[in-house]
Amino acid sequence: MSALVVPLGILFPESLVRSHGFAILAAFVAINTVVYVALSIAKALPKVYVGDHLPRRYHRAETRSIHPDGPT
């Protein structure tokens, strides 16, 4: 079998990967990815109106229709 040859510059050296700055950058990228996925899912879901699920305060005691009792 032939050996896998990786050109220089594609892989980072181990000292860079294990550095504190690289860990901060990796954490930022991970958080950014999670936020982007959450926003994408929220955009794809139907819009939810909170007021539709709360009781209404302006409920009338009587109907004000021209046909108050409806067809009998």
C-alpha atoms as a PDB file:
ATOM      1  CA  MET A   1       0.000   0.000   0.000  1.00  0.00           C
ATOM      2  CA  SER A   2       1.082   3.542  -0.574  1.00  0.00           C
ATOM      3  CA  ALA A   3       1.571   5.875   2.357  1.00  0.00           C
ATOM      4  CA  LEU A   4      -0.719   8.849   2.767  1.00  0.00           C
ATOM      5  CA  VAL A   5       1.203  12.031   2.038  1.00  0.00           C
ATOM      6  CA  VAL A   6      -0.165  15.218   3.594  1.00  0.00           C
ATOM      7  CA  PRO A   7       1.260  18.489   2.261  1.00  0.00           C
ATOM      8  CA  LEU A   8       2.750  20.809   4.832  1.00  0.00           C
ATOM      9  CA  GLY A   9       0.508  23.641   5.963  1.00  0.00           C
ATOM     10  CA  ILE A  10      -2.754  21.707   5.988  1.00  0.00           C
ATOM     11  CA  LEU A  11      -2.394  20.307   9.499  1.00  0.00           C
ATOM     12  CA  PHE A  12      -1.593  22.529  12.446  1.00  0.00           C
ATOM     13  CA  PRO A  13       1.289  21.645  14.708  1.00  0.00           C
ATOM     14  CA  GLU A  14       0.348  20.085  18.030  1.00  0.00           C
ATOM     15  CA  SER A  15       1.654  23.072  19.988  1.00  0.00           C
ATOM     16  CA  LEU A  16      -0.816  25.373  18.225  1.00  0.00           C
ATOM     17  CA  VAL A  17      -3.770  23.014  18.641  1.00  0.00           C
ATOM     18  CA  ARG A  18      -3.127  22.645  22.375  1.00  0.00           C
ATOM     19  CA  SER A  19      -2.688  26.395  22.982  1.00  0.00           C
ATOM     20  CA  HIS A  20      -5.074  28.512  25.070  1.00  0.00           C
ATOM     21  CA  GLY A  21      -5.905  30.849  22.180  1.00  0.00           C
ATOM     22  CA  PHE A  22      -6.876  27.975  19.913  1.00  0.00           C
ATOM     23  CA  ALA A  23      -9.178  26.579  22.624  1.00  0.00           C
ATOM     24  CA  ILE A  24     -10.910  29.971  22.942  1.00  0.00           C
ATOM     25  CA  LEU A  25     -11.325  30.175  19.173  1.00  0.00           C
ATOM     26  CA  ALA A  26     -12.705  26.617  19.031  1.00  0.00           C
ATOM     27  CA  ALA A  27     -15.199  27.413  21.825  1.00  0.00           C
ATOM     28  CA  PHE A  28     -16.331  30.565  19.991  1.00  0.00           C
ATOM     29  CA  VAL A  29     -16.863  28.631  16.767  1.00  0.00           C
ATOM     30  CA  ALA A  30     -18.807  25.914  18.617  1.00  0.00           C
ATOM     31  CA  ILE A  31     -21.110  28.436  20.345  1.00  0.00           C
ATOM     32  CA  ASN A  32     -21.587  30.353  17.097  1.00  0.00           C
ATOM     33  CA  THR A  33     -22.569  27.135  15.320  1.00  0.00           C
ATOM     34  CA  VAL A  34     -25.120  26.190  17.988  1.00  0.00           C
ATOM     35  CA  VAL A  35     -26.680  29.672  17.886  1.00  0.00           C
ATOM     36  CA  TYR A  36     -26.857  29.599  14.079  1.00  0.00           C
ATOM     37  CA  VAL A  37     -28.549  26.180  14.097  1.00  0.00           C
ATOM     38  CA  ALA A  38     -31.051  27.315  16.749  1.00  0.00           C
ATOM     39  CA  LEU A  39     -31.913  30.455  14.763  1.00  0.00           C
ATOM     40  CA  SER A  40     -32.310  28.434  11.568  1.00  0.00           C
ATOM     41  CA  ILE A  41     -34.683  25.984  13.251  1.00  0.00           C
ATOM     42  CA  ALA A  42     -36.662  28.844  14.841  1.00  0.00           C
ATOM     43  CA  LYS A  43     -37.002  30.525  11.456  1.00  0.00           C
ATOM     44  CA  ALA A  44     -38.312  27.313   9.860  1.00  0.00           C
ATOM     45  CA  LEU A  45     -40.977  26.684  12.523  1.00  0.00           C
ATOM     46  CA  PRO A  46     -44.371  28.405  12.339  1.00  0.00           C
ATOM     47  CA  LYS A  47     -44.706  31.649  14.256  1.00  0.00           C
ATOM     48  CA  VAL A  48     -46.225  31.353  17.731  1.00  0.00           C
ATOM     49  CA  TYR A  49     -48.298  34.219  19.114  1.00  0.00           C
ATOM     50  CA  VAL A  50     -48.322  34.216  22.915  1.00  0.00           C
ATOM     51  CA  GLY A  51     -51.537  36.246  23.028  1.00  0.00           C
ATOM     52  CA  ASP A  52     -53.447  33.429  21.351  1.00  0.00           C
ATOM     53  CA  HIS A  53     -52.807  31.186  24.358  1.00  0.00           C
ATOM     54  CA  LEU A  54     -53.535  33.698  27.127  1.00  0.00           C
ATOM     55  CA  PRO A  55     -57.026  34.487  28.431  1.00  0.00           C
ATOM     56  CA  ARG A  56     -58.551  37.631  27.011  1.00  0.00           C
ATOM     57  CA  ARG A  57     -59.591  40.491  29.254  1.00  0.00           C
ATOM     58  CA  TYR A  58     -62.010  42.085  26.813  1.00  0.00           C
ATOM     59  CA  HIS A  59     -64.640  39.335  26.741  1.00  0.00           C
ATOM     60  CA  ARG A  60     -68.121  40.873  26.376  1.00  0.00           C
ATOM     61  CA  ALA A  61     -70.913  39.967  28.776  1.00  0.00           C
ATOM     62  CA  GLU A  62     -73.447  40.075  25.912  1.00  0.00           C
ATOM     63  CA  THR A  63     -73.195  39.576  22.204  1.00  0.00           C
ATOM     64  CA  ARG A  64     -73.572  42.718  20.110  1.00  0.00           C
ATOM     65  CA  SER A  65     -74.502  40.988  16.878  1.00  0.00           C
ATOM     66  CA  ILE A  66     -77.565  41.985  14.850  1.00  0.00           C
ATOM     67  CA  HIS A  67     -78.710  38.412  15.491  1.00  0.00           C
ATOM     68  CA  PRO A  68     -77.930  38.132  19.210  1.00  0.00           C
ATOM     69  CA  ASP A  69     -79.405  34.681  19.764  1.00  0.00           C
ATOM     70  CA  GLY A  70     -78.582  33.245  16.373  1.00  0.00           C
ATOM     71  CA  PRO A  71     -80.981  31.112  14.330  1.00  0.00           C
ATOM     72  CA  THR A  72     -83.558  29.284  16.405  1.00  0.00           C
END
